Amino acid sequence: MGEYFLLRFRTMRGYVQGDDFHAKSALSCIDALAIPAPEPQPDSRPMKRPLRILIVEDSKDDADLLLWEVRSGGFDPAHLRVDTLAAMGAALDTREWDIVVSDYTMPQFGGLAAMRLVQERRLDLPVIIVSGNIGEEIAVEAMRSGASDYVMKNSLSRLVPAIERELRENEARRAGRAAQRELQENEARLRGLVSNIPGMVFQLVRAGESGYLFPYVSEGSLALLELTPRQLLDEPGRFFDMLLDEGRATLEHDLVRSAREKSAVNWEGRIRTPASRTVKWLSLRLSPRIVDGSRVQ
């Protein structure tokens, strides 16, 4: 902890004796008090959020007004101002951006052309149109052409809320795409694993009181049952029609019991394949899973 010292001085009057002046205790005492220095206080101001903003605007003054609104709204913008198609193309090629704010009409460029450039690059980049004079029909045209929003220059207080909304929606889209990619990768890994498992892997769901569906069937069904996965998905009853003797009745009984008791099924029986009419012994191992709170598959 830092310290500073407070020095307190008290003086006394001197006196005269003969021709000499004697200063009796010009400083009678010095009191030194060690006082703790005050602790530094944390900055209570909220941290500004970084924002990479590409401004398509031919007026520096108008761009400065936009940036003032953005900073006042709690953002710390890293920005670039462009006013031609070539300059915007170079900006999109060399840097990543969070949002584009574009004037609707400029001598050499405009908001519609800026949106087309973003679309041609297949960028998921929100574009907000800002204009000093835009009618309802033009605004509708801009939205139909792909604008995320439009703001009048005499109502720039709407700019920051529009930016915040577009950033949230864009983040949600990115999260959705990431989840979709992860799902596809997981499905690809599962197919790779299943393709190396002998026999057939399937998912069986009860449909109604006496029917069943196959939401998933692996490629092994063709070698084992002489039926493609698509055939079983479209006509699940064909599997049960292959069961011989009392096989169908015992399997359906075991499936009902498994759903009721949440227990595994270990079933063995004979089948006759539909194409070659070959009789085979089949061994099934099934484990129930609860979905939607009560449904068993």
Protein backbone atom coordinates (compact mmCIF):
# COMPACT_ATOMS: atom_id res chain seq x y z
CA MET A 1 0.00 0.00 0.00
CA GLY A 2 1.43 3.43 -0.90
CA GLU A 3 1.88 6.17 1.71
CA TYR A 4 2.32 9.90 1.75
CA PHE A 5 3.37 12.16 4.65
CA LEU A 6 1.55 15.16 6.03
CA LEU A 7 4.00 17.61 7.66
CA ARG A 8 2.51 20.06 10.17
CA PHE A 9 4.59 23.11 11.17
CA ARG A 10 4.12 25.46 14.16
CA THR A 11 6.18 28.67 14.41
CA MET A 12 7.11 30.80 17.45
CA ARG A 13 7.87 34.50 17.60
CA GLY A 14 11.58 35.41 17.88
CA TYR A 15 12.80 37.95 20.48
CA VAL A 16 15.54 40.61 20.69
CA GLN A 17 18.32 40.52 23.31
CA GLY A 18 20.87 43.29 23.07
CA ASP A 19 22.13 43.67 19.53
CA ASP A 20 21.49 40.08 18.61
CA PHE A 21 18.40 38.57 17.24
CA HIS A 22 17.81 35.15 18.47
CA ALA A 23 15.33 33.01 16.69
CA LYS A 24 14.09 30.77 19.39
CA SER A 25 12.71 27.68 17.81
CA ALA A 26 11.76 29.19 14.47
CA LEU A 27 10.22 25.84 13.93
CA SER A 28 9.10 24.60 17.28
CA CYS A 29 8.03 21.20 16.10
CA ILE A 30 7.42 19.15 13.06
CA ASP A 31 4.73 16.53 13.28
CA ALA A 32 4.89 13.84 10.64
CA LEU A 33 1.87 11.66 10.21
CA ALA A 34 1.97 8.63 7.94
CA ILE A 35 -1.40 8.52 6.19
CA PRO A 36 -2.33 5.66 3.87
CA ALA A 37 -2.71 6.73 0.28
CA PRO A 38 -6.23 6.19 -1.09
CA GLU A 39 -6.78 2.96 -2.99
CA PRO A 40 -7.16 3.45 -6.75
CA GLN A 41 -10.80 3.24 -7.69
CA PRO A 42 -11.84 0.99 -10.59
CA ASP A 43 -13.21 2.72 -13.65
CA SER A 44 -16.96 2.43 -13.32
CA ARG A 45 -17.56 3.35 -16.92
CA PRO A 46 -18.72 0.39 -19.04
CA MET A 47 -16.19 -0.95 -21.52
CA LYS A 48 -16.92 -0.02 -25.08
CA ARG A 49 -17.69 -2.88 -27.45
CA PRO A 50 -15.42 -3.28 -30.48
CA LEU A 51 -17.14 -2.85 -33.82
CA ARG A 52 -15.65 -3.24 -37.30
CA ILE A 53 -17.75 -0.92 -39.41
CA LEU A 54 -17.35 -0.22 -43.13
CA ILE A 55 -18.87 3.16 -44.00
CA VAL A 56 -19.92 3.73 -47.61
CA GLU A 57 -20.22 7.50 -47.67
CA ASP A 58 -18.82 10.32 -49.83
CA SER A 59 -19.20 12.98 -47.12
CA LYS A 60 -16.59 12.95 -44.36
CA ASP A 61 -18.80 15.14 -42.19
CA ASP A 62 -21.72 12.70 -42.47
CA ALA A 63 -19.39 9.80 -41.70
CA ASP A 64 -18.12 11.63 -38.61
CA LEU A 65 -21.72 12.09 -37.43
CA LEU A 66 -22.33 8.35 -37.86
CA LEU A 67 -19.21 7.54 -35.87
CA TRP A 68 -20.21 9.96 -33.12
CA GLU A 69 -23.55 8.15 -32.77
CA VAL A 70 -21.82 4.78 -32.74
CA ARG A 71 -19.35 5.84 -30.05
CA SER A 72 -22.12 7.44 -28.00
CA GLY A 73 -23.97 4.13 -28.17
CA GLY A 74 -21.15 2.27 -26.40
CA PHE A 75 -19.10 1.01 -29.34
CA ASP A 76 -15.41 1.43 -30.09
CA PRO A 77 -15.47 1.45 -33.89
CA ALA A 78 -12.61 0.39 -36.11
CA HIS A 79 -13.80 1.97 -39.33
CA LEU A 80 -12.99 2.71 -42.93
CA ARG A 81 -14.81 5.11 -45.21
CA VAL A 82 -15.12 4.29 -48.92
CA ASP A 83 -17.09 5.95 -51.70
CA THR A 84 -16.44 3.85 -54.81
CA LEU A 85 -17.13 0.29 -55.91
CA ALA A 86 -13.42 -0.46 -56.26
CA ALA A 87 -12.59 0.88 -52.80
CA MET A 88 -15.37 -1.12 -51.19
CA GLY A 89 -14.28 -4.27 -53.02
CA ALA A 90 -10.72 -3.80 -51.77
CA ALA A 91 -11.99 -3.26 -48.20
CA LEU A 92 -14.02 -6.48 -48.33
CA ASP A 93 -11.05 -8.39 -49.72
CA THR A 94 -8.49 -7.24 -47.18
CA ARG A 95 -10.40 -7.03 -43.87
CA GLU A 96 -13.26 -8.62 -41.99
CA TRP A 97 -16.23 -6.46 -41.05
CA ASP A 98 -19.12 -6.72 -38.62
CA ILE A 99 -21.48 -4.39 -40.47
CA VAL A 100 -21.77 -2.06 -43.46
CA VAL A 101 -23.47 1.34 -43.18
CA SER A 102 -24.07 2.88 -46.58
CA ASP A 103 -25.50 6.11 -47.93
CA TYR A 104 -28.27 5.38 -50.39
CA THR A 105 -27.22 7.82 -53.11
CA MET A 106 -23.74 9.06 -54.01
CA PRO A 107 -22.34 10.53 -57.26
CA GLN A 108 -20.30 7.41 -58.15
CA PHE A 109 -21.82 4.73 -55.97
CA GLY A 110 -24.85 3.90 -53.85
CA GLY A 111 -26.51 1.67 -51.31
CA LEU A 112 -28.05 -0.77 -53.80
CA ALA A 113 -24.68 -1.32 -55.49
CA ALA A 114 -23.05 -1.84 -52.09
CA MET A 115 -25.63 -4.52 -51.23
CA ARG A 116 -25.12 -6.28 -54.56
CA LEU A 117 -21.37 -6.36 -53.95
CA VAL A 118 -21.86 -7.98 -50.53
CA GLN A 119 -24.26 -10.52 -52.04
CA GLU A 120 -21.90 -11.33 -54.91
CA ARG A 121 -19.16 -12.07 -52.40
CA ARG A 122 -21.59 -14.36 -50.53
CA LEU A 123 -20.85 -12.56 -47.26
CA ASP A 124 -23.16 -12.83 -44.29
CA LEU A 125 -22.70 -9.13 -43.60
CA PRO A 126 -25.57 -6.84 -42.55
CA VAL A 127 -26.02 -3.69 -44.62
CA ILE A 128 -27.84 -0.70 -43.11
CA ILE A 129 -28.90 2.06 -45.48
CA VAL A 130 -28.63 5.66 -44.26
CA SER A 131 -30.16 8.45 -46.33
CA GLY A 132 -31.06 12.07 -46.00
CA ASN A 133 -34.03 11.79 -48.33
CA ILE A 134 -35.61 8.40 -48.85
CA GLY A 135 -39.28 7.79 -49.47
CA GLU A 136 -41.35 4.79 -48.48
CA GLU A 137 -41.15 3.19 -51.93
CA ILE A 138 -37.37 3.50 -52.02
CA ALA A 139 -37.12 2.10 -48.51
CA VAL A 140 -39.22 -0.93 -49.50
CA GLU A 141 -37.03 -1.43 -52.58
CA ALA A 142 -33.91 -1.31 -50.44
CA MET A 143 -35.30 -3.90 -48.00
CA ARG A 144 -36.34 -6.18 -50.85
CA SER A 145 -32.87 -5.86 -52.34
CA GLY A 146 -31.32 -7.16 -49.15
CA ALA A 147 -30.89 -4.19 -46.82
CA SER A 148 -31.04 -5.14 -43.16
CA ASP A 149 -32.56 -1.79 -42.19
CA TYR A 150 -32.68 1.86 -43.21
CA VAL A 151 -32.16 4.97 -41.09
CA MET A 152 -32.81 8.60 -41.93
CA LYS A 153 -29.90 10.97 -41.41
CA ASN A 154 -32.17 13.29 -39.43
CA SER A 155 -33.00 10.38 -37.10
CA LEU A 156 -29.60 8.85 -36.38
CA SER A 157 -30.68 7.89 -32.88
CA ARG A 158 -32.11 4.74 -34.55
CA LEU A 159 -28.71 3.73 -35.88
CA VAL A 160 -27.22 2.10 -32.77
CA PRO A 161 -30.38 0.04 -31.96
CA ALA A 162 -30.40 -1.14 -35.59
CA ILE A 163 -26.72 -2.11 -35.40
CA GLU A 164 -27.23 -3.98 -32.11
CA ARG A 165 -30.19 -5.91 -33.51
CA GLU A 166 -28.34 -6.90 -36.68
CA LEU A 167 -25.30 -8.03 -34.70
CA ARG A 168 -27.49 -10.25 -32.50
CA GLU A 169 -29.28 -11.77 -35.48
CA ASN A 170 -26.05 -12.29 -37.37
CA GLU A 171 -24.51 -14.04 -34.36
CA ALA A 172 -27.58 -16.28 -34.11
CA ARG A 173 -27.22 -17.22 -37.79
CA ARG A 174 -23.56 -18.02 -37.33
CA ALA A 175 -24.32 -20.18 -34.30
CA GLY A 176 -26.99 -22.02 -36.29
CA ARG A 177 -24.60 -22.70 -39.14
CA ALA A 178 -21.94 -23.92 -36.71
CA ALA A 179 -24.45 -26.27 -35.09
CA GLN A 180 -25.49 -27.56 -38.52
CA ARG A 181 -21.87 -28.19 -39.50
CA GLU A 182 -21.25 -30.03 -36.24
CA LEU A 183 -24.35 -32.15 -36.80
CA GLN A 184 -23.23 -33.05 -40.32
CA GLU A 185 -19.76 -33.94 -39.07
CA ASN A 186 -21.22 -36.13 -36.31
CA GLU A 187 -23.49 -37.87 -38.81
CA ALA A 188 -20.53 -38.50 -41.11
CA ARG A 189 -18.54 -39.99 -38.23
CA LEU A 190 -21.49 -42.17 -37.27
CA ARG A 191 -21.89 -43.45 -40.82
CA GLY A 192 -18.18 -44.24 -40.89
CA LEU A 193 -18.43 -46.24 -37.67
CA VAL A 194 -21.64 -48.02 -38.64
CA SER A 195 -20.32 -49.02 -42.04
CA ASN A 196 -17.60 -51.07 -40.32
CA ILE A 197 -19.96 -52.88 -37.95
CA PRO A 198 -20.99 -56.37 -39.13
CA GLY A 199 -24.71 -56.78 -39.71
CA MET A 200 -27.21 -53.95 -39.62
CA VAL A 201 -27.71 -50.94 -37.33
CA PHE A 202 -31.20 -49.46 -37.17
CA GLN A 203 -33.54 -47.27 -35.17
CA LEU A 204 -37.08 -48.56 -34.52
CA VAL A 205 -39.95 -46.37 -33.34
CA ARG A 206 -43.42 -47.55 -32.43
CA ALA A 207 -46.15 -45.89 -34.51
CA GLY A 208 -49.61 -46.34 -33.08
CA GLU A 209 -50.77 -49.49 -31.33
CA SER A 210 -49.39 -52.12 -33.69
CA GLY A 211 -47.09 -50.43 -36.18
CA TYR A 212 -43.40 -49.58 -36.29
CA LEU A 213 -41.21 -47.18 -38.26
CA PHE A 214 -37.51 -47.24 -39.14
CA PRO A 215 -36.19 -43.65 -38.86
CA TYR A 216 -32.69 -44.95 -39.60
CA VAL A 217 -31.31 -48.10 -41.27
CA SER A 218 -27.64 -48.68 -42.12
CA GLU A 219 -26.37 -49.91 -45.47
CA GLY A 220 -25.84 -53.38 -43.96
CA SER A 221 -29.54 -54.12 -44.47
CA LEU A 222 -28.94 -54.98 -48.11
CA ALA A 223 -26.50 -57.82 -47.35
CA LEU A 224 -28.45 -59.10 -44.35
CA LEU A 225 -32.08 -58.72 -45.44
CA GLU A 226 -31.79 -58.16 -49.21
CA LEU A 227 -33.62 -54.86 -48.67
CA THR A 228 -32.13 -51.39 -49.08
CA PRO A 229 -32.39 -48.83 -46.28
CA ARG A 230 -34.83 -46.83 -48.41
CA GLN A 231 -37.12 -49.85 -48.83
CA LEU A 232 -37.28 -50.35 -45.07
CA LEU A 233 -37.80 -46.64 -44.43
CA ASP A 234 -40.69 -46.56 -46.90
CA GLU A 235 -42.21 -49.95 -46.03
CA PRO A 236 -41.19 -51.00 -42.50
CA GLY A 237 -43.74 -53.84 -42.51
CA ARG A 238 -41.57 -55.76 -44.99
CA PHE A 239 -39.14 -56.59 -42.19
CA PHE A 240 -41.86 -58.17 -40.02
CA ASP A 241 -43.23 -60.07 -43.04
CA MET A 242 -39.88 -61.87 -43.31
CA LEU A 243 -40.17 -63.44 -39.83
CA LEU A 244 -40.95 -67.15 -39.79
CA ASP A 245 -42.71 -69.46 -37.33
CA GLU A 246 -43.80 -67.55 -34.26
CA GLY A 247 -41.06 -65.01 -34.75
CA ARG A 248 -43.29 -62.03 -35.41
CA ALA A 249 -45.50 -62.62 -32.39
CA THR A 250 -42.58 -63.18 -30.01
CA LEU A 251 -40.67 -60.14 -31.29
CA GLU A 252 -43.68 -57.85 -30.99
CA HIS A 253 -44.34 -59.21 -27.50
CA ASP A 254 -40.72 -58.52 -26.50
CA LEU A 255 -40.91 -54.99 -27.94
CA VAL A 256 -44.04 -54.18 -25.93
CA ARG A 257 -42.46 -55.52 -22.76
CA SER A 258 -39.26 -53.56 -23.43
CA ALA A 259 -41.23 -50.32 -23.81
CA ARG A 260 -43.19 -51.00 -20.62
CA GLU A 261 -40.27 -52.10 -18.47
CA LYS A 262 -37.55 -50.04 -20.18
CA SER A 263 -35.54 -53.23 -20.61
CA ALA A 264 -33.35 -54.51 -23.44
CA VAL A 265 -34.53 -56.96 -26.09
CA ASN A 266 -32.51 -60.06 -27.01
CA TRP A 267 -34.40 -61.91 -29.74
CA GLU A 268 -33.41 -64.73 -32.07
CA GLY A 269 -35.44 -66.29 -34.85
CA ARG A 270 -35.61 -67.28 -38.50
CA ILE A 271 -36.30 -65.06 -41.52
CA ARG A 272 -36.79 -65.71 -45.22
CA THR A 273 -35.20 -63.08 -47.47
CA PRO A 274 -37.55 -61.70 -50.15
CA ALA A 275 -35.28 -61.99 -53.20
CA SER A 276 -33.36 -65.26 -52.88
CA ARG A 277 -35.87 -66.85 -50.46
CA THR A 278 -32.93 -67.81 -48.27
CA VAL A 279 -33.71 -68.82 -44.68
CA LYS A 280 -31.42 -67.20 -42.11
CA TRP A 281 -31.08 -67.09 -38.35
CA LEU A 282 -31.31 -63.56 -37.11
CA SER A 283 -30.20 -62.22 -33.73
CA LEU A 284 -31.50 -58.80 -32.62
CA ARG A 285 -30.20 -56.71 -29.75
CA LEU A 286 -32.27 -53.61 -28.95
CA SER A 287 -32.07 -51.05 -26.15
CA PRO A 288 -35.01 -48.71 -25.45
CA ARG A 289 -34.57 -44.94 -25.30
CA ILE A 290 -37.06 -42.42 -23.92
CA VAL A 291 -37.79 -39.45 -26.19
CA ASP A 292 -40.19 -36.54 -25.72
CA GLY A 293 -40.59 -37.48 -22.07
CA SER A 294 -42.56 -40.68 -22.64
CA ARG A 295 -42.17 -42.06 -26.18
CA VAL A 296 -39.90 -45.08 -26.50
CA GLN A 297 -37.71 -45.87 -29.48
